[in-house]
């Protein structure tokens, strides 16, 4: 009998709704990072396939160079 009560309590705990996490306001740093990601992504998508192949780097390397360039322009 106690096993049934324990099992019922476990099932009830698993089924109980989890309260949603509080949404946080984005930080200035986070907003700047998102803006850089959008700009670099737009630049990457605008490049023709031939130019992407000629440049050599794939997206991660391109993104790294793009972020560095945007940060230098900002400074």
Foldseek 3Di string as FASTA:
>chain_A
DVVVVVVVVVVCVVPDDDDDDDDDDDDPVRVVVVVLVVVLVVVVVPDDPVVCVVVPDDDVVSSVVSVVVVVVVVD
